[in-house]
Amino acid sequence: MSAWLERGVDPDTVGRILSSGLPEDMRRPASVLAYRLTALLPPHLPPALPPPAARRPRRPDPLQNCDGCDRAFRSPAPGRCRDCPPAAA
């Protein structure tokens, strides 16, 4: 019965499945039970998906004004946009 429980079937359902439709004149109840435990065993459940990562959505970089052309662009730090040549050192 542990195989049934491992596959997600609750104990009440196991009892209903194993005891439904039993013949009235049973000679070997243990054999009938053993047969039903193996023959009616439900398939394995698919593996559980891992829970989604509890992470915050990444915020976009703030808007900066380019030091060369004054165009707005997103960057973590102030500086020049990608279209402007690098600043002379």
N, C-alpha and C. Protein backbone atom coordinates (compact mmCIF):
# COMPACT_ATOMS: atom_id res chain seq x y z
N MET A 1 0.82 -1.18 0.00
CA MET A 1 0.00 0.00 0.00
C MET A 1 0.87 1.25 0.00
N SER A 2 2.10 1.15 0.49
CA SER A 2 2.96 2.33 0.50
C SER A 2 3.24 2.83 -0.91
N ALA A 3 3.30 1.91 -1.89
CA ALA A 3 3.52 2.34 -3.27
C ALA A 3 2.37 3.21 -3.75
N TRP A 4 1.16 2.89 -3.33
CA TRP A 4 -0.01 3.69 -3.70
C TRP A 4 0.10 5.09 -3.09
N LEU A 5 0.47 5.13 -1.82
CA LEU A 5 0.56 6.42 -1.13
C LEU A 5 1.68 7.28 -1.72
N GLU A 6 2.78 6.64 -2.11
CA GLU A 6 3.89 7.37 -2.74
C GLU A 6 3.48 7.97 -4.07
N ARG A 7 2.49 7.39 -4.69
CA ARG A 7 2.03 7.89 -6.00
C ARG A 7 0.89 8.89 -5.88
N GLY A 8 0.63 9.35 -4.66
CA GLY A 8 -0.31 10.44 -4.46
C GLY A 8 -1.76 10.04 -4.24
N VAL A 9 -2.03 8.77 -3.97
CA VAL A 9 -3.41 8.33 -3.74
C VAL A 9 -3.66 8.37 -2.23
N ASP A 10 -4.76 9.01 -1.82
CA ASP A 10 -5.05 9.11 -0.39
C ASP A 10 -5.61 7.77 0.12
N PRO A 11 -5.46 7.48 1.42
CA PRO A 11 -5.86 6.18 1.99
C PRO A 11 -7.34 5.84 1.77
N ASP A 12 -8.24 6.80 1.82
CA ASP A 12 -9.66 6.50 1.60
C ASP A 12 -9.90 6.00 0.17
N THR A 13 -9.25 6.59 -0.78
CA THR A 13 -9.40 6.16 -2.17
C THR A 13 -8.82 4.78 -2.37
N VAL A 14 -7.70 4.48 -1.75
CA VAL A 14 -7.11 3.14 -1.84
C VAL A 14 -8.11 2.11 -1.33
N GLY A 15 -8.72 2.38 -0.17
CA GLY A 15 -9.70 1.45 0.39
C GLY A 15 -10.89 1.25 -0.53
N ARG A 16 -11.38 2.31 -1.13
CA ARG A 16 -12.53 2.20 -2.06
C ARG A 16 -12.17 1.38 -3.29
N ILE A 17 -10.99 1.63 -3.84
CA ILE A 17 -10.59 0.92 -5.06
C ILE A 17 -10.38 -0.56 -4.78
N LEU A 18 -9.73 -0.88 -3.68
CA LEU A 18 -9.43 -2.28 -3.38
C LEU A 18 -10.65 -3.07 -2.93
N SER A 19 -11.65 -2.41 -2.39
CA SER A 19 -12.81 -3.15 -1.88
C SER A 19 -14.04 -3.08 -2.79
N SER A 20 -13.98 -2.35 -3.88
CA SER A 20 -15.15 -2.26 -4.75
C SER A 20 -15.22 -3.47 -5.68
N GLY A 21 -16.43 -3.96 -5.88
CA GLY A 21 -16.66 -5.05 -6.83
C GLY A 21 -16.08 -6.39 -6.41
N LEU A 22 -16.01 -6.63 -5.13
CA LEU A 22 -15.48 -7.91 -4.66
C LEU A 22 -16.51 -9.03 -4.89
N PRO A 23 -16.05 -10.23 -5.22
CA PRO A 23 -16.99 -11.34 -5.38
C PRO A 23 -17.60 -11.72 -4.03
N GLU A 24 -18.85 -12.22 -4.04
CA GLU A 24 -19.52 -12.56 -2.79
C GLU A 24 -18.94 -13.82 -2.15
N ASP A 25 -18.55 -14.79 -2.94
CA ASP A 25 -18.02 -16.04 -2.38
C ASP A 25 -16.50 -16.10 -2.61
N MET A 26 -15.78 -15.29 -1.87
CA MET A 26 -14.32 -15.25 -1.99
C MET A 26 -13.71 -16.40 -1.20
N ARG A 27 -12.83 -17.12 -1.86
CA ARG A 27 -12.14 -18.22 -1.16
C ARG A 27 -10.78 -17.78 -0.63
N ARG A 28 -10.13 -16.90 -1.32
CA ARG A 28 -8.80 -16.45 -0.91
C ARG A 28 -8.75 -14.92 -0.93
N PRO A 29 -9.23 -14.28 0.12
CA PRO A 29 -9.25 -12.82 0.12
C PRO A 29 -7.85 -12.20 0.05
N ALA A 30 -6.86 -12.84 0.67
CA ALA A 30 -5.50 -12.30 0.63
C ALA A 30 -4.95 -12.30 -0.80
N SER A 31 -5.28 -13.33 -1.55
CA SER A 31 -4.82 -13.39 -2.94
C SER A 31 -5.48 -12.31 -3.79
N VAL A 32 -6.77 -12.09 -3.56
CA VAL A 32 -7.48 -11.04 -4.29
C VAL A 32 -6.88 -9.68 -3.95
N LEU A 33 -6.61 -9.45 -2.68
CA LEU A 33 -6.02 -8.18 -2.26
C LEU A 33 -4.63 -8.00 -2.85
N ALA A 34 -3.80 -9.04 -2.82
CA ALA A 34 -2.45 -8.96 -3.38
C ALA A 34 -2.51 -8.67 -4.89
N TYR A 35 -3.44 -9.33 -5.58
CA TYR A 35 -3.59 -9.09 -7.01
C TYR A 35 -3.99 -7.65 -7.29
N ARG A 36 -4.98 -7.16 -6.56
CA ARG A 36 -5.47 -5.80 -6.79
C ARG A 36 -4.41 -4.75 -6.44
N LEU A 37 -3.62 -5.02 -5.41
CA LEU A 37 -2.57 -4.07 -5.04
C LEU A 37 -1.56 -3.88 -6.16
N THR A 38 -1.29 -4.93 -6.92
CA THR A 38 -0.32 -4.81 -8.01
C THR A 38 -0.97 -4.48 -9.34
N ALA A 39 -2.11 -5.09 -9.64
CA ALA A 39 -2.74 -4.88 -10.95
C ALA A 39 -3.37 -3.50 -11.09
N LEU A 40 -3.88 -2.94 -10.02
CA LEU A 40 -4.57 -1.66 -10.09
C LEU A 40 -3.68 -0.49 -9.65
N LEU A 41 -2.40 -0.74 -9.47
CA LEU A 41 -1.46 0.30 -9.03
C LEU A 41 -1.43 1.44 -10.05
N PRO A 42 -1.69 2.67 -9.60
CA PRO A 42 -1.69 3.80 -10.55
C PRO A 42 -0.26 4.10 -11.03
N PRO A 43 -0.14 4.77 -12.18
CA PRO A 43 1.20 5.11 -12.68
C PRO A 43 1.87 6.15 -11.79
N HIS A 44 3.19 6.25 -11.96
CA HIS A 44 3.95 7.27 -11.21
C HIS A 44 3.51 8.65 -11.63
N LEU A 45 3.51 9.57 -10.70
CA LEU A 45 3.23 10.96 -11.01
C LEU A 45 4.43 11.57 -11.71
N PRO A 46 4.21 12.53 -12.60
CA PRO A 46 5.37 13.19 -13.21
C PRO A 46 6.14 13.95 -12.14
N PRO A 47 7.44 14.12 -12.32
CA PRO A 47 8.21 14.83 -11.30
C PRO A 47 7.70 16.26 -11.13
N ALA A 48 7.73 16.69 -9.91
CA ALA A 48 7.25 18.04 -9.59
C ALA A 48 8.23 19.07 -10.16
N LEU A 49 7.69 20.12 -10.70
CA LEU A 49 8.53 21.20 -11.21
C LEU A 49 9.12 21.98 -10.04
N PRO A 50 10.34 22.41 -10.17
CA PRO A 50 10.91 23.20 -9.08
C PRO A 50 10.16 24.52 -8.96
N PRO A 51 10.03 25.03 -7.75
CA PRO A 51 9.31 26.31 -7.60
C PRO A 51 10.07 27.43 -8.30
N PRO A 52 9.33 28.39 -8.81
CA PRO A 52 10.03 29.50 -9.48
C PRO A 52 10.93 30.23 -8.49
N ALA A 53 12.02 30.69 -8.99
CA ALA A 53 12.97 31.39 -8.11
C ALA A 53 12.32 32.63 -7.52
N ALA A 54 12.51 32.78 -6.25
CA ALA A 54 11.93 33.95 -5.56
C ALA A 54 12.90 35.11 -5.70
N ARG A 55 12.92 35.67 -6.88
CA ARG A 55 13.82 36.79 -7.12
C ARG A 55 13.02 37.98 -7.59
N ARG A 56 13.57 39.12 -7.37
CA ARG A 56 12.92 40.34 -7.79
C ARG A 56 13.20 40.57 -9.27
N PRO A 57 12.24 41.13 -9.97
CA PRO A 57 12.54 41.47 -11.36
C PRO A 57 13.61 42.56 -11.40
N ARG A 58 14.50 42.45 -12.35
CA ARG A 58 15.58 43.43 -12.46
C ARG A 58 15.04 44.76 -12.93
N ARG A 59 15.41 45.80 -12.22
CA ARG A 59 14.97 47.15 -12.60
C ARG A 59 15.87 47.65 -13.73
N PRO A 60 15.30 48.39 -14.66
CA PRO A 60 16.14 48.93 -15.74
C PRO A 60 17.11 49.97 -15.19
N ASP A 61 18.22 50.12 -15.89
CA ASP A 61 19.20 51.14 -15.49
C ASP A 61 18.55 52.53 -15.58
N PRO A 62 18.98 53.46 -14.75
CA PRO A 62 18.39 54.81 -14.81
C PRO A 62 18.82 55.54 -16.08
N LEU A 63 18.03 56.52 -16.43
CA LEU A 63 18.37 57.35 -17.58
C LEU A 63 19.51 58.30 -17.21
N GLN A 64 20.46 58.42 -18.12
CA GLN A 64 21.61 59.33 -17.95
C GLN A 64 21.65 60.24 -19.17
N ASN A 65 22.22 61.40 -19.03
CA ASN A 65 22.46 62.28 -20.18
C ASN A 65 23.90 62.09 -20.61
N CYS A 66 24.07 61.91 -21.92
CA CYS A 66 25.42 61.72 -22.47
C CYS A 66 26.24 62.99 -22.26
N ASP A 67 27.49 62.79 -21.83
CA ASP A 67 28.38 63.94 -21.61
C ASP A 67 28.84 64.56 -22.93
N GLY A 68 28.73 63.80 -24.05
CA GLY A 68 29.19 64.33 -25.33
C GLY A 68 28.10 64.99 -26.14
N CYS A 69 26.92 64.39 -26.22
CA CYS A 69 25.88 64.93 -27.10
C CYS A 69 24.59 65.26 -26.35
N ASP A 70 24.53 65.04 -25.09
CA ASP A 70 23.38 65.34 -24.24
C ASP A 70 22.15 64.48 -24.58
N ARG A 71 22.39 63.33 -25.22
CA ARG A 71 21.31 62.40 -25.52
C ARG A 71 21.02 61.56 -24.27
N ALA A 72 19.76 61.22 -24.08
CA ALA A 72 19.40 60.36 -22.94
C ALA A 72 19.66 58.90 -23.30
N PHE A 73 20.24 58.17 -22.36
CA PHE A 73 20.47 56.72 -22.53
C PHE A 73 20.43 56.06 -21.17
N ARG A 74 20.23 54.77 -21.16
CA ARG A 74 20.18 54.03 -19.90
C ARG A 74 21.55 53.45 -19.59
N SER A 75 21.99 53.68 -18.37
CA SER A 75 23.29 53.18 -17.94
C SER A 75 23.33 53.20 -16.42
N PRO A 76 24.08 52.29 -15.81
CA PRO A 76 24.18 52.32 -14.35
C PRO A 76 24.98 53.52 -13.84
N ALA A 77 25.83 54.10 -14.70
CA ALA A 77 26.65 55.25 -14.27
C ALA A 77 26.66 56.30 -15.37
N PRO A 78 26.85 57.57 -15.02
CA PRO A 78 26.94 58.62 -16.04
C PRO A 78 28.15 58.41 -16.94
N GLY A 79 28.08 59.00 -18.13
CA GLY A 79 29.19 58.88 -19.08
C GLY A 79 28.73 59.26 -20.46
N ARG A 80 29.24 58.57 -21.47
CA ARG A 80 28.90 58.86 -22.86
C ARG A 80 28.04 57.72 -23.42
N CYS A 81 27.18 58.06 -24.39
CA CYS A 81 26.37 57.03 -25.05
C CYS A 81 27.27 56.24 -25.99
N ARG A 82 26.74 55.18 -26.55
CA ARG A 82 27.58 54.33 -27.41
C ARG A 82 27.88 54.95 -28.76
N ASP A 83 27.12 55.98 -29.15
CA ASP A 83 27.36 56.61 -30.45
C ASP A 83 28.47 57.67 -30.39
N CYS A 84 28.78 58.18 -29.20
CA CYS A 84 29.81 59.20 -29.05
C CYS A 84 31.17 58.54 -28.89
N PRO A 85 32.23 59.20 -29.42
CA PRO A 85 33.58 58.66 -29.21
C PRO A 85 33.95 58.76 -27.73
N PRO A 86 34.83 57.91 -27.27
CA PRO A 86 35.24 57.99 -25.87
C PRO A 86 35.87 59.33 -25.55
N ALA A 87 35.73 59.76 -24.32
CA ALA A 87 36.28 61.05 -23.89
C ALA A 87 37.80 60.98 -23.91
N ALA A 88 38.43 62.09 -24.31
CA ALA A 88 39.91 62.15 -24.31
C ALA A 88 40.41 62.17 -22.88
N ALA A 89 41.46 61.40 -22.64
CA ALA A 89 41.97 61.29 -21.27
C ALA A 89 42.84 62.42 -20.88
